[in-house]
Amino acid sequence: MTDLKVDLKGAVNAVTTFLENNKRVILIKGYDNEAKLKAVLMALNQQFSKGIIRTSSMQDIADNINLALGKKHLPSNVKSTELYKLGNMKINFNSYTTHTRNNPAGNDNTFTIFYPIQTALDNPKRYANFLKDLGEVRSKKVILITTNEWSIKNWDIENYTDEVFFYDVQNDNPELLRNLRRNGAI
């Protein structure tokens, strides 16, 4: 991990610390969506062999992961009925916003990622369904990852987590921060 950028290394270390402690649910916030996903997957790859990724967009999740990792690891279309190899892990994908035939709850040997969670945060009905789904997860570790959090005005998702980590990219991606400030997003 010595060749990682400064902020990425810090984020991987923070997620690894969470994976090794007794806390169960973490919220990962920050402005660089690909970097957050990459840090989480890198840390999980060292600790788990099986996991679940719950997404709001089955059609975009493979592209999001491939972009975050900088390499095509997954086919363009992933299905909820199949397992996919990602690094050392076998991953099941499914949607938390639509009915999915296969909706595993996980167990003490798995993790569950919810990514991205934005579509659930800005709509009361979707948010209630999201919290119900979150309550049914049985995985050892649950990771919620935001995108575009500057667009969500009313937050209380943090009340349902044990830990919050803000992935700061001021060293690794200062241009992104400058653009967000210039556009008034932050």
N, C-alpha and C. Protein backbone atom coordinates (compact mmCIF):
# COMPACT_ATOMS: atom_id res chain seq x y z
N MET A 1 0.82 -1.19 0.00
CA MET A 1 0.00 0.00 0.00
C MET A 1 0.86 1.26 0.00
N THR A 2 2.16 1.12 -0.04
CA THR A 2 3.05 2.27 0.03
C THR A 2 3.00 3.13 -1.22
N ASP A 3 2.56 2.59 -2.35
CA ASP A 3 2.52 3.38 -3.58
C ASP A 3 1.18 4.10 -3.77
N LEU A 4 0.29 4.04 -2.79
CA LEU A 4 -1.00 4.71 -2.90
C LEU A 4 -0.84 6.20 -2.65
N LYS A 5 -1.75 6.98 -3.23
CA LYS A 5 -1.78 8.41 -2.97
C LYS A 5 -2.11 8.64 -1.50
N VAL A 6 -1.75 9.81 -0.99
CA VAL A 6 -1.88 10.13 0.44
C VAL A 6 -3.31 9.94 0.96
N ASP A 7 -4.28 10.57 0.31
CA ASP A 7 -5.66 10.50 0.79
C ASP A 7 -6.25 9.10 0.64
N LEU A 8 -5.93 8.43 -0.46
CA LEU A 8 -6.42 7.06 -0.67
C LEU A 8 -5.88 6.13 0.41
N LYS A 9 -4.62 6.25 0.71
CA LYS A 9 -4.03 5.41 1.75
C LYS A 9 -4.71 5.65 3.09
N GLY A 10 -4.97 6.90 3.42
CA GLY A 10 -5.66 7.22 4.66
C GLY A 10 -7.07 6.64 4.71
N ALA A 11 -7.77 6.70 3.57
CA ALA A 11 -9.13 6.16 3.51
C ALA A 11 -9.13 4.64 3.64
N VAL A 12 -8.21 3.97 2.95
CA VAL A 12 -8.11 2.51 3.07
C VAL A 12 -7.81 2.14 4.52
N ASN A 13 -6.92 2.86 5.16
CA ASN A 13 -6.60 2.60 6.57
C ASN A 13 -7.81 2.81 7.47
N ALA A 14 -8.58 3.87 7.22
CA ALA A 14 -9.77 4.14 8.03
C ALA A 14 -10.81 3.03 7.87
N VAL A 15 -11.03 2.58 6.64
CA VAL A 15 -12.00 1.50 6.41
C VAL A 15 -11.48 0.21 7.02
N THR A 16 -10.20 -0.07 6.89
CA THR A 16 -9.62 -1.28 7.49
C THR A 16 -9.79 -1.26 9.01
N THR A 17 -9.56 -0.12 9.63
CA THR A 17 -9.76 0.00 11.08
C THR A 17 -11.21 -0.31 11.44
N PHE A 18 -12.16 0.21 10.66
CA PHE A 18 -13.57 -0.10 10.89
C PHE A 18 -13.82 -1.60 10.74
N LEU A 19 -13.25 -2.22 9.73
CA LEU A 19 -13.48 -3.65 9.51
C LEU A 19 -12.95 -4.49 10.67
N GLU A 20 -11.95 -3.98 11.36
CA GLU A 20 -11.33 -4.73 12.45
C GLU A 20 -11.93 -4.41 13.81
N ASN A 21 -12.82 -3.42 13.89
CA ASN A 21 -13.40 -3.10 15.20
C ASN A 21 -14.79 -3.72 15.35
N ASN A 22 -15.45 -3.42 16.46
CA ASN A 22 -16.75 -4.02 16.76
C ASN A 22 -17.93 -3.24 16.19
N LYS A 23 -17.67 -2.13 15.56
CA LYS A 23 -18.75 -1.35 14.96
C LYS A 23 -19.25 -2.09 13.72
N ARG A 24 -20.53 -1.86 13.39
CA ARG A 24 -21.13 -2.63 12.30
C ARG A 24 -21.44 -1.82 11.05
N VAL A 25 -21.91 -0.58 11.22
CA VAL A 25 -22.35 0.21 10.07
C VAL A 25 -21.54 1.50 9.99
N ILE A 26 -20.97 1.75 8.80
CA ILE A 26 -20.21 2.97 8.56
C ILE A 26 -20.79 3.70 7.36
N LEU A 27 -20.80 5.02 7.46
CA LEU A 27 -21.19 5.89 6.36
C LEU A 27 -19.92 6.53 5.81
N ILE A 28 -19.68 6.34 4.52
CA ILE A 28 -18.52 6.93 3.85
C ILE A 28 -19.01 8.12 3.04
N LYS A 29 -18.53 9.30 3.42
CA LYS A 29 -18.89 10.54 2.73
C LYS A 29 -17.65 11.10 2.04
N GLY A 30 -17.86 12.06 1.17
CA GLY A 30 -16.74 12.70 0.49
C GLY A 30 -17.15 13.12 -0.90
N TYR A 31 -16.25 13.82 -1.58
CA TYR A 31 -16.60 14.42 -2.86
C TYR A 31 -16.13 13.63 -4.07
N ASP A 32 -15.21 12.70 -3.91
CA ASP A 32 -14.69 11.93 -5.04
C ASP A 32 -15.32 10.54 -5.01
N ASN A 33 -16.35 10.35 -5.81
CA ASN A 33 -17.14 9.11 -5.77
C ASN A 33 -16.32 7.87 -6.10
N GLU A 34 -15.51 7.94 -7.14
CA GLU A 34 -14.71 6.78 -7.53
C GLU A 34 -13.68 6.45 -6.45
N ALA A 35 -13.08 7.47 -5.86
CA ALA A 35 -12.06 7.24 -4.84
C ALA A 35 -12.65 6.58 -3.60
N LYS A 36 -13.86 6.98 -3.20
CA LYS A 36 -14.52 6.36 -2.04
C LYS A 36 -14.75 4.87 -2.30
N LEU A 37 -15.30 4.57 -3.46
CA LEU A 37 -15.59 3.18 -3.80
C LEU A 37 -14.31 2.36 -3.88
N LYS A 38 -13.27 2.92 -4.47
CA LYS A 38 -11.99 2.22 -4.58
C LYS A 38 -11.41 1.91 -3.20
N ALA A 39 -11.41 2.88 -2.31
CA ALA A 39 -10.86 2.68 -0.96
C ALA A 39 -11.61 1.58 -0.22
N VAL A 40 -12.92 1.60 -0.31
CA VAL A 40 -13.74 0.59 0.37
C VAL A 40 -13.45 -0.79 -0.20
N LEU A 41 -13.44 -0.93 -1.51
CA LEU A 41 -13.20 -2.24 -2.13
C LEU A 41 -11.79 -2.75 -1.84
N MET A 42 -10.81 -1.86 -1.82
CA MET A 42 -9.44 -2.28 -1.49
C MET A 42 -9.37 -2.84 -0.08
N ALA A 43 -9.99 -2.16 0.87
CA ALA A 43 -9.97 -2.63 2.25
C ALA A 43 -10.73 -3.95 2.40
N LEU A 44 -11.90 -4.04 1.81
CA LEU A 44 -12.69 -5.27 1.90
C LEU A 44 -11.97 -6.45 1.28
N ASN A 45 -11.27 -6.23 0.20
CA ASN A 45 -10.56 -7.30 -0.50
C ASN A 45 -9.51 -7.96 0.40
N GLN A 46 -9.01 -7.25 1.38
CA GLN A 46 -8.02 -7.79 2.31
C GLN A 46 -8.66 -8.58 3.45
N GLN A 47 -9.96 -8.39 3.69
CA GLN A 47 -10.61 -8.95 4.87
C GLN A 47 -11.72 -9.97 4.59
N PHE A 48 -12.33 -9.89 3.43
CA PHE A 48 -13.51 -10.71 3.14
C PHE A 48 -13.33 -11.49 1.84
N SER A 49 -14.00 -12.64 1.77
CA SER A 49 -14.03 -13.40 0.52
C SER A 49 -15.41 -13.36 -0.14
N LYS A 50 -16.43 -12.91 0.62
CA LYS A 50 -17.79 -12.86 0.08
C LYS A 50 -18.46 -11.56 0.49
N GLY A 51 -19.28 -11.04 -0.43
CA GLY A 51 -19.99 -9.82 -0.10
C GLY A 51 -21.17 -9.57 -1.00
N ILE A 52 -21.91 -8.54 -0.63
CA ILE A 52 -23.12 -8.14 -1.33
C ILE A 52 -23.00 -6.65 -1.63
N ILE A 53 -23.31 -6.27 -2.84
CA ILE A 53 -23.37 -4.85 -3.17
C ILE A 53 -24.80 -4.55 -3.58
N ARG A 54 -25.47 -3.73 -2.77
CA ARG A 54 -26.84 -3.29 -3.04
C ARG A 54 -26.73 -1.92 -3.71
N THR A 55 -27.39 -1.76 -4.81
CA THR A 55 -27.26 -0.52 -5.58
C THR A 55 -28.63 0.03 -5.97
N SER A 56 -28.66 1.29 -6.29
CA SER A 56 -29.88 1.89 -6.81
C SER A 56 -29.93 1.80 -8.33
N SER A 57 -28.83 1.35 -8.94
CA SER A 57 -28.77 1.31 -10.40
C SER A 57 -27.97 0.10 -10.87
N MET A 58 -28.66 -0.99 -11.12
CA MET A 58 -27.99 -2.20 -11.60
C MET A 58 -27.28 -1.94 -12.93
N GLN A 59 -27.84 -1.07 -13.77
CA GLN A 59 -27.22 -0.83 -15.08
C GLN A 59 -25.92 -0.04 -14.98
N ASP A 60 -25.69 0.68 -13.88
CA ASP A 60 -24.48 1.51 -13.76
C ASP A 60 -23.42 0.94 -12.82
N ILE A 61 -23.77 -0.01 -11.98
CA ILE A 61 -22.85 -0.42 -10.92
C ILE A 61 -21.55 -1.02 -11.46
N ALA A 62 -21.60 -1.83 -12.49
CA ALA A 62 -20.37 -2.42 -13.03
C ALA A 62 -19.45 -1.33 -13.57
N ASP A 63 -20.02 -0.38 -14.31
CA ASP A 63 -19.21 0.73 -14.83
C ASP A 63 -18.61 1.56 -13.70
N ASN A 64 -19.40 1.81 -12.66
CA ASN A 64 -18.89 2.57 -11.51
C ASN A 64 -17.70 1.88 -10.86
N ILE A 65 -17.80 0.57 -10.68
CA ILE A 65 -16.71 -0.18 -10.05
C ILE A 65 -15.50 -0.24 -10.98
N ASN A 66 -15.73 -0.53 -12.25
CA ASN A 66 -14.61 -0.59 -13.20
C ASN A 66 -13.89 0.76 -13.28
N LEU A 67 -14.64 1.85 -13.28
CA LEU A 67 -14.05 3.18 -13.31
C LEU A 67 -13.25 3.45 -12.03
N ALA A 68 -13.82 3.10 -10.89
CA ALA A 68 -13.14 3.32 -9.61
C ALA A 68 -11.83 2.54 -9.53
N LEU A 69 -11.83 1.33 -10.04
CA LEU A 69 -10.63 0.49 -9.96
C LEU A 69 -9.68 0.69 -11.14
N GLY A 70 -10.11 1.46 -12.13
CA GLY A 70 -9.24 1.77 -13.26
C GLY A 70 -8.98 0.60 -14.19
N LYS A 71 -9.86 -0.39 -14.15
CA LYS A 71 -9.68 -1.59 -14.97
C LYS A 71 -11.03 -2.30 -15.08
N LYS A 72 -11.25 -3.00 -16.18
CA LYS A 72 -12.51 -3.72 -16.35
C LYS A 72 -12.44 -5.06 -15.61
N HIS A 73 -13.04 -5.08 -14.44
CA HIS A 73 -13.11 -6.29 -13.64
C HIS A 73 -14.45 -7.00 -13.82
N LEU A 74 -15.47 -6.23 -14.18
CA LEU A 74 -16.82 -6.76 -14.27
C LEU A 74 -17.38 -6.56 -15.67
N PRO A 75 -18.28 -7.46 -16.12
CA PRO A 75 -18.94 -7.24 -17.40
C PRO A 75 -19.88 -6.03 -17.28
N SER A 76 -20.26 -5.47 -18.39
CA SER A 76 -21.11 -4.28 -18.38
C SER A 76 -22.43 -4.49 -17.67
N ASN A 77 -23.02 -5.66 -17.85
CA ASN A 77 -24.30 -5.96 -17.22
C ASN A 77 -24.13 -7.04 -16.17
N VAL A 78 -24.36 -6.70 -14.92
CA VAL A 78 -24.32 -7.71 -13.87
C VAL A 78 -25.76 -8.09 -13.52
N LYS A 79 -25.93 -9.33 -13.11
CA LYS A 79 -27.26 -9.85 -12.78
C LYS A 79 -27.30 -10.24 -11.31
N SER A 80 -28.46 -10.11 -10.71
CA SER A 80 -28.61 -10.44 -9.29
C SER A 80 -28.59 -11.94 -9.04
N THR A 81 -28.70 -12.73 -10.08
CA THR A 81 -28.74 -14.19 -9.92
C THR A 81 -27.36 -14.83 -10.04
N GLU A 82 -26.32 -14.03 -10.25
CA GLU A 82 -24.97 -14.58 -10.43
C GLU A 82 -24.00 -13.98 -9.42
N LEU A 83 -22.93 -14.74 -9.15
CA LEU A 83 -21.82 -14.24 -8.33
C LEU A 83 -20.71 -13.78 -9.27
N TYR A 84 -20.03 -12.72 -8.89
CA TYR A 84 -18.95 -12.17 -9.70
C TYR A 84 -17.68 -12.09 -8.87
N LYS A 85 -16.57 -12.45 -9.50
CA LYS A 85 -15.27 -12.37 -8.82
C LYS A 85 -14.74 -10.95 -8.95
N LEU A 86 -14.34 -10.40 -7.83
CA LEU A 86 -13.77 -9.06 -7.79
C LEU A 86 -12.59 -9.13 -6.82
N GLY A 87 -11.39 -9.18 -7.37
CA GLY A 87 -10.21 -9.38 -6.52
C GLY A 87 -10.28 -10.75 -5.88
N ASN A 88 -10.15 -10.80 -4.56
CA ASN A 88 -10.24 -12.05 -3.81
C ASN A 88 -11.66 -12.40 -3.40
N MET A 89 -12.62 -11.59 -3.82
CA MET A 89 -13.99 -11.71 -3.32
C MET A 89 -14.95 -12.22 -4.38
N LYS A 90 -16.01 -12.88 -3.90
CA LYS A 90 -17.15 -13.23 -4.73
C LYS A 90 -18.29 -12.31 -4.30
N ILE A 91 -18.85 -11.60 -5.27
CA ILE A 91 -19.82 -10.56 -4.99
C ILE A 91 -21.17 -10.88 -5.63
N ASN A 92 -22.24 -10.65 -4.86
CA ASN A 92 -23.59 -10.70 -5.37
C ASN A 92 -24.08 -9.26 -5.47
N PHE A 93 -24.67 -8.90 -6.59
CA PHE A 93 -25.22 -7.56 -6.80
C PHE A 93 -26.73 -7.64 -6.79
N ASN A 94 -27.38 -6.65 -6.18
CA ASN A 94 -28.82 -6.52 -6.32
C ASN A 94 -29.25 -5.10 -6.02
N SER A 95 -30.47 -4.80 -6.38
CA SER A 95 -31.01 -3.45 -6.25
C SER A 95 -31.74 -3.28 -4.93
N TYR A 96 -31.55 -2.14 -4.31
CA TYR A 96 -32.34 -1.84 -3.12
C TYR A 96 -33.53 -0.93 -3.48
N THR A 97 -33.65 -0.51 -4.73
CA THR A 97 -34.75 0.37 -5.12
C THR A 97 -35.85 -0.33 -5.90
N THR A 98 -35.55 -1.49 -6.46
CA THR A 98 -36.56 -2.23 -7.21
C THR A 98 -36.61 -3.66 -6.69
N HIS A 99 -37.66 -4.35 -7.05
CA HIS A 99 -37.79 -5.75 -6.64
C HIS A 99 -36.70 -6.57 -7.34
N THR A 100 -35.99 -7.34 -6.55
CA THR A 100 -34.95 -8.21 -7.09
C THR A 100 -35.27 -9.63 -6.67
N ARG A 101 -35.18 -10.55 -7.60
CA ARG A 101 -35.47 -11.95 -7.31
C ARG A 101 -34.61 -12.48 -6.17
N ASN A 102 -33.35 -12.15 -6.23
CA ASN A 102 -32.39 -12.66 -5.25
C ASN A 102 -31.96 -11.50 -4.36
N ASN A 103 -32.32 -11.55 -3.09
CA ASN A 103 -32.00 -10.46 -2.18
C ASN A 103 -31.41 -11.03 -0.89
N PRO A 104 -30.15 -11.45 -0.92
CA PRO A 104 -29.55 -12.07 0.26
C PRO A 104 -29.35 -11.06 1.39
N ALA A 105 -29.54 -11.51 2.61
CA ALA A 105 -29.36 -10.65 3.78
C ALA A 105 -27.93 -10.68 4.29
N GLY A 106 -27.16 -11.66 3.85
CA GLY A 106 -25.79 -11.79 4.32
C GLY A 106 -25.72 -12.58 5.61
N ASN A 107 -24.49 -12.72 6.13
CA ASN A 107 -24.28 -13.43 7.39
C ASN A 107 -22.97 -12.93 8.00
N ASP A 108 -22.49 -13.59 9.02
CA ASP A 108 -21.31 -13.13 9.74
C ASP A 108 -20.02 -13.23 8.92
N ASN A 109 -20.08 -13.87 7.76
CA ASN A 109 -18.90 -13.99 6.90
C ASN A 109 -18.94 -13.05 5.70
N THR A 110 -19.95 -12.18 5.64
CA THR A 110 -20.10 -11.30 4.48
C THR A 110 -20.13 -9.84 4.89
N PHE A 111 -19.95 -8.99 3.89
CA PHE A 111 -20.18 -7.55 4.04
C PHE A 111 -21.31 -7.18 3.10
N THR A 112 -21.93 -6.04 3.36
CA THR A 112 -22.90 -5.47 2.44
C THR A 112 -22.56 -4.01 2.23
N ILE A 113 -22.44 -3.62 0.97
CA ILE A 113 -22.26 -2.22 0.59
C ILE A 113 -23.58 -1.74 0.00
N PHE A 114 -24.01 -0.55 0.40
CA PHE A 114 -25.10 0.15 -0.27
C PHE A 114 -24.46 1.31 -1.01
N TYR A 115 -24.54 1.29 -2.36
CA TYR A 115 -23.90 2.33 -3.17
C TYR A 115 -24.63 2.52 -4.48
N PRO A 116 -24.92 3.71 -4.87
CA PRO A 116 -24.93 4.92 -4.06
C PRO A 116 -26.24 5.01 -3.28
N ILE A 117 -26.22 5.75 -2.20
CA ILE A 117 -27.43 5.82 -1.36
C ILE A 117 -28.24 7.10 -1.60
N GLN A 118 -27.81 7.95 -2.51
CA GLN A 118 -28.46 9.24 -2.72
C GLN A 118 -29.94 9.13 -3.05
N THR A 119 -30.31 8.21 -3.91
CA THR A 119 -31.71 8.14 -4.33
C THR A 119 -32.63 7.81 -3.16
N ALA A 120 -32.11 7.20 -2.13
CA ALA A 120 -32.92 6.89 -0.95
C ALA A 120 -33.02 8.07 0.00
N LEU A 121 -32.05 8.94 -0.01
CA LEU A 121 -31.99 10.02 0.98
C LEU A 121 -32.89 11.20 0.65
N ASP A 122 -33.25 11.37 -0.61
CA ASP A 122 -33.99 12.58 -0.98
C ASP A 122 -35.47 12.34 -1.23
N ASN A 123 -35.99 11.18 -0.80
CA ASN A 123 -37.39 10.87 -1.00
C ASN A 123 -37.90 10.11 0.23
N PRO A 124 -38.90 10.64 0.95
CA PRO A 124 -39.34 10.02 2.21
C PRO A 124 -39.77 8.55 2.08
N LYS A 125 -40.49 8.20 1.02
CA LYS A 125 -40.93 6.82 0.85
C LYS A 125 -39.74 5.89 0.59
N ARG A 126 -38.86 6.30 -0.32
CA ARG A 126 -37.67 5.49 -0.60
C ARG A 126 -36.78 5.38 0.64
N TYR A 127 -36.71 6.46 1.40
CA TYR A 127 -35.89 6.46 2.60
C TYR A 127 -36.43 5.46 3.63
N ALA A 128 -37.74 5.43 3.82
CA ALA A 128 -38.35 4.48 4.74
C ALA A 128 -38.07 3.04 4.29
N ASN A 129 -38.20 2.78 2.99
CA ASN A 129 -37.89 1.44 2.46
C ASN A 129 -36.41 1.10 2.63
N PHE A 130 -35.55 2.10 2.42
CA PHE A 130 -34.12 1.90 2.58
C PHE A 130 -33.79 1.52 4.03
N LEU A 131 -34.37 2.24 4.98
CA LEU A 131 -34.11 1.94 6.40
C LEU A 131 -34.63 0.54 6.76
N LYS A 132 -35.75 0.14 6.17
CA LYS A 132 -36.27 -1.22 6.39
C LYS A 132 -35.27 -2.24 5.86
N ASP A 133 -34.78 -2.04 4.63
CA ASP A 133 -33.78 -2.94 4.05
C ASP A 133 -32.51 -2.97 4.90
N LEU A 134 -32.07 -1.82 5.33
CA LEU A 134 -30.87 -1.73 6.16
C LEU A 134 -31.04 -2.53 7.45
N GLY A 135 -32.22 -2.48 8.03
CA GLY A 135 -32.50 -3.23 9.26
C GLY A 135 -32.53 -4.73 9.07
N GLU A 136 -32.73 -5.18 7.84
CA GLU A 136 -32.80 -6.62 7.55
C GLU A 136 -31.46 -7.23 7.18
N VAL A 137 -30.44 -6.41 7.00
CA VAL A 137 -29.11 -6.91 6.63
C VAL A 137 -28.50 -7.66 7.80
N ARG A 138 -27.95 -8.84 7.53
CA ARG A 138 -27.32 -9.67 8.56
C ARG A 138 -25.81 -9.79 8.37
N SER A 139 -25.26 -9.08 7.42
CA SER A 139 -23.81 -9.11 7.19
C SER A 139 -23.06 -8.59 8.41
N LYS A 140 -21.84 -9.05 8.54
CA LYS A 140 -20.98 -8.62 9.66
C LYS A 140 -20.69 -7.13 9.60
N LYS A 141 -20.44 -6.61 8.39
CA LYS A 141 -20.14 -5.19 8.20
C LYS A 141 -21.03 -4.62 7.11
N VAL A 142 -21.52 -3.41 7.36
CA VAL A 142 -22.38 -2.72 6.41
C VAL A 142 -21.76 -1.36 6.11
N ILE A 143 -21.60 -1.07 4.82
CA ILE A 143 -20.95 0.17 4.40
C ILE A 143 -21.90 0.93 3.48
N LEU A 144 -22.23 2.14 3.89
CA LEU A 144 -23.07 3.03 3.09
C LEU A 144 -22.16 4.06 2.44
N ILE A 145 -22.29 4.25 1.14
CA ILE A 145 -21.42 5.19 0.43
C ILE A 145 -22.28 6.22 -0.30
N THR A 146 -22.00 7.49 -0.02
CA THR A 146 -22.75 8.57 -0.64
C THR A 146 -22.16 8.94 -2.00
N THR A 147 -22.97 9.65 -2.76
CA THR A 147 -22.51 10.37 -3.95
C THR A 147 -23.25 11.70 -3.92
N ASN A 148 -22.62 12.74 -4.35
CA ASN A 148 -23.27 14.06 -4.46
C ASN A 148 -23.95 14.51 -3.18
N GLU A 149 -23.31 14.29 -2.02
CA GLU A 149 -24.01 14.63 -0.79
C GLU A 149 -24.27 16.11 -0.61
N TRP A 150 -23.57 16.96 -1.35
CA TRP A 150 -23.84 18.38 -1.25
C TRP A 150 -25.25 18.71 -1.75
N SER A 151 -25.88 17.79 -2.46
CA SER A 151 -27.22 18.05 -2.99
C SER A 151 -28.33 17.61 -2.03
N ILE A 152 -27.98 16.92 -0.96
CA ILE A 152 -28.99 16.46 0.00
C ILE A 152 -29.04 17.45 1.16
N LYS A 153 -30.21 18.03 1.39
CA LYS A 153 -30.34 19.07 2.41
C LYS A 153 -30.65 18.51 3.80
N ASN A 154 -31.46 17.48 3.87
CA ASN A 154 -31.88 16.96 5.18
C ASN A 154 -31.26 15.59 5.42
N TRP A 155 -30.27 15.55 6.30
CA TRP A 155 -29.58 14.31 6.61
C TRP A 155 -30.04 13.80 7.96
N ASP A 156 -30.34 12.54 8.06
CA ASP A 156 -30.38 11.90 9.37
C ASP A 156 -29.91 10.46 9.27
N ILE A 157 -29.36 10.10 8.12
CA ILE A 157 -28.83 8.75 7.92
C ILE A 157 -27.72 8.45 8.93
N GLU A 158 -27.01 9.48 9.35
CA GLU A 158 -25.93 9.29 10.31
C GLU A 158 -26.44 8.71 11.63
N ASN A 159 -27.72 8.94 11.94
CA ASN A 159 -28.31 8.38 13.16
C ASN A 159 -28.43 6.86 13.11
N TYR A 160 -28.29 6.28 11.93
CA TYR A 160 -28.43 4.83 11.75
C TYR A 160 -27.08 4.15 11.53
N THR A 161 -26.01 4.87 11.78
CA THR A 161 -24.67 4.31 11.60
C THR A 161 -23.90 4.34 12.91
N ASP A 162 -22.86 3.53 12.98
CA ASP A 162 -21.98 3.51 14.15
C ASP A 162 -20.79 4.44 13.97
N GLU A 163 -20.49 4.76 12.72
CA GLU A 163 -19.31 5.57 12.42
C GLU A 163 -19.53 6.31 11.11
N VAL A 164 -18.94 7.48 11.00
CA VAL A 164 -18.96 8.27 9.77
C VAL A 164 -17.52 8.60 9.42
N PHE A 165 -17.17 8.38 8.15
CA PHE A 165 -15.84 8.75 7.68
C PHE A 165 -15.99 9.67 6.49
N PHE A 166 -15.33 10.83 6.55
CA PHE A 166 -15.32 11.76 5.42
C PHE A 166 -14.00 11.60 4.69
N TYR A 167 -14.08 11.17 3.45
CA TYR A 167 -12.90 10.96 2.63
C TYR A 167 -12.51 12.28 1.99
N ASP A 168 -11.49 12.90 2.53
CA ASP A 168 -10.99 14.18 2.05
C ASP A 168 -9.97 13.94 0.95
N VAL A 169 -10.14 14.59 -0.18
CA VAL A 169 -9.23 14.38 -1.31
C VAL A 169 -8.41 15.63 -1.62
N GLN A 170 -8.16 16.44 -0.61
CA GLN A 170 -7.44 17.70 -0.86
C GLN A 170 -6.03 17.47 -1.41
N ASN A 171 -5.40 16.36 -1.08
CA ASN A 171 -4.07 16.06 -1.62
C ASN A 171 -4.14 15.33 -2.95
N ASP A 172 -5.04 14.35 -3.04
CA ASP A 172 -5.11 13.49 -4.23
C ASP A 172 -5.86 14.12 -5.40
N ASN A 173 -6.84 14.96 -5.11
CA ASN A 173 -7.67 15.53 -6.18
C ASN A 173 -8.06 16.98 -5.86
N PRO A 174 -7.07 17.87 -5.72
CA PRO A 174 -7.39 19.27 -5.38
C PRO A 174 -8.21 19.97 -6.46
N GLU A 175 -8.07 19.53 -7.72
CA GLU A 175 -8.84 20.16 -8.79
C GLU A 175 -10.34 19.93 -8.61
N LEU A 176 -10.72 18.75 -8.16
CA LEU A 176 -12.13 18.48 -7.89
C LEU A 176 -12.66 19.44 -6.84
N LEU A 177 -11.91 19.64 -5.77
CA LEU A 177 -12.35 20.56 -4.72
C LEU A 177 -12.44 21.99 -5.24
N ARG A 178 -11.49 22.41 -6.04
CA ARG A 178 -11.54 23.77 -6.62
C ARG A 178 -12.79 23.93 -7.48
N ASN A 179 -13.09 22.93 -8.30
CA ASN A 179 -14.27 23.00 -9.16
C ASN A 179 -15.56 23.05 -8.35
N LEU A 180 -15.65 22.25 -7.30
CA LEU A 180 -16.85 22.25 -6.46
C LEU A 180 -17.02 23.60 -5.77
N ARG A 181 -15.93 24.17 -5.29
CA ARG A 181 -16.00 25.50 -4.65
C ARG A 181 -16.39 26.57 -5.68
N ARG A 182 -15.78 26.52 -6.84
CA ARG A 182 -16.06 27.50 -7.89
C ARG A 182 -17.53 27.44 -8.31
N ASN A 183 -18.09 26.25 -8.34
CA ASN A 183 -19.49 26.07 -8.74
C ASN A 183 -20.47 26.27 -7.59
N GLY A 184 -19.96 26.54 -6.40
CA GLY A 184 -20.82 26.78 -5.25
C GLY A 184 -21.42 25.53 -4.64
N ALA A 185 -20.91 24.37 -5.00
CA ALA A 185 -21.44 23.12 -4.45
C ALA A 185 -21.00 22.90 -3.01
N ILE A 186 -19.81 23.41 -2.68
CA ILE A 186 -19.33 23.30 -1.29
C ILE A 186 -18.81 24.65 -0.81
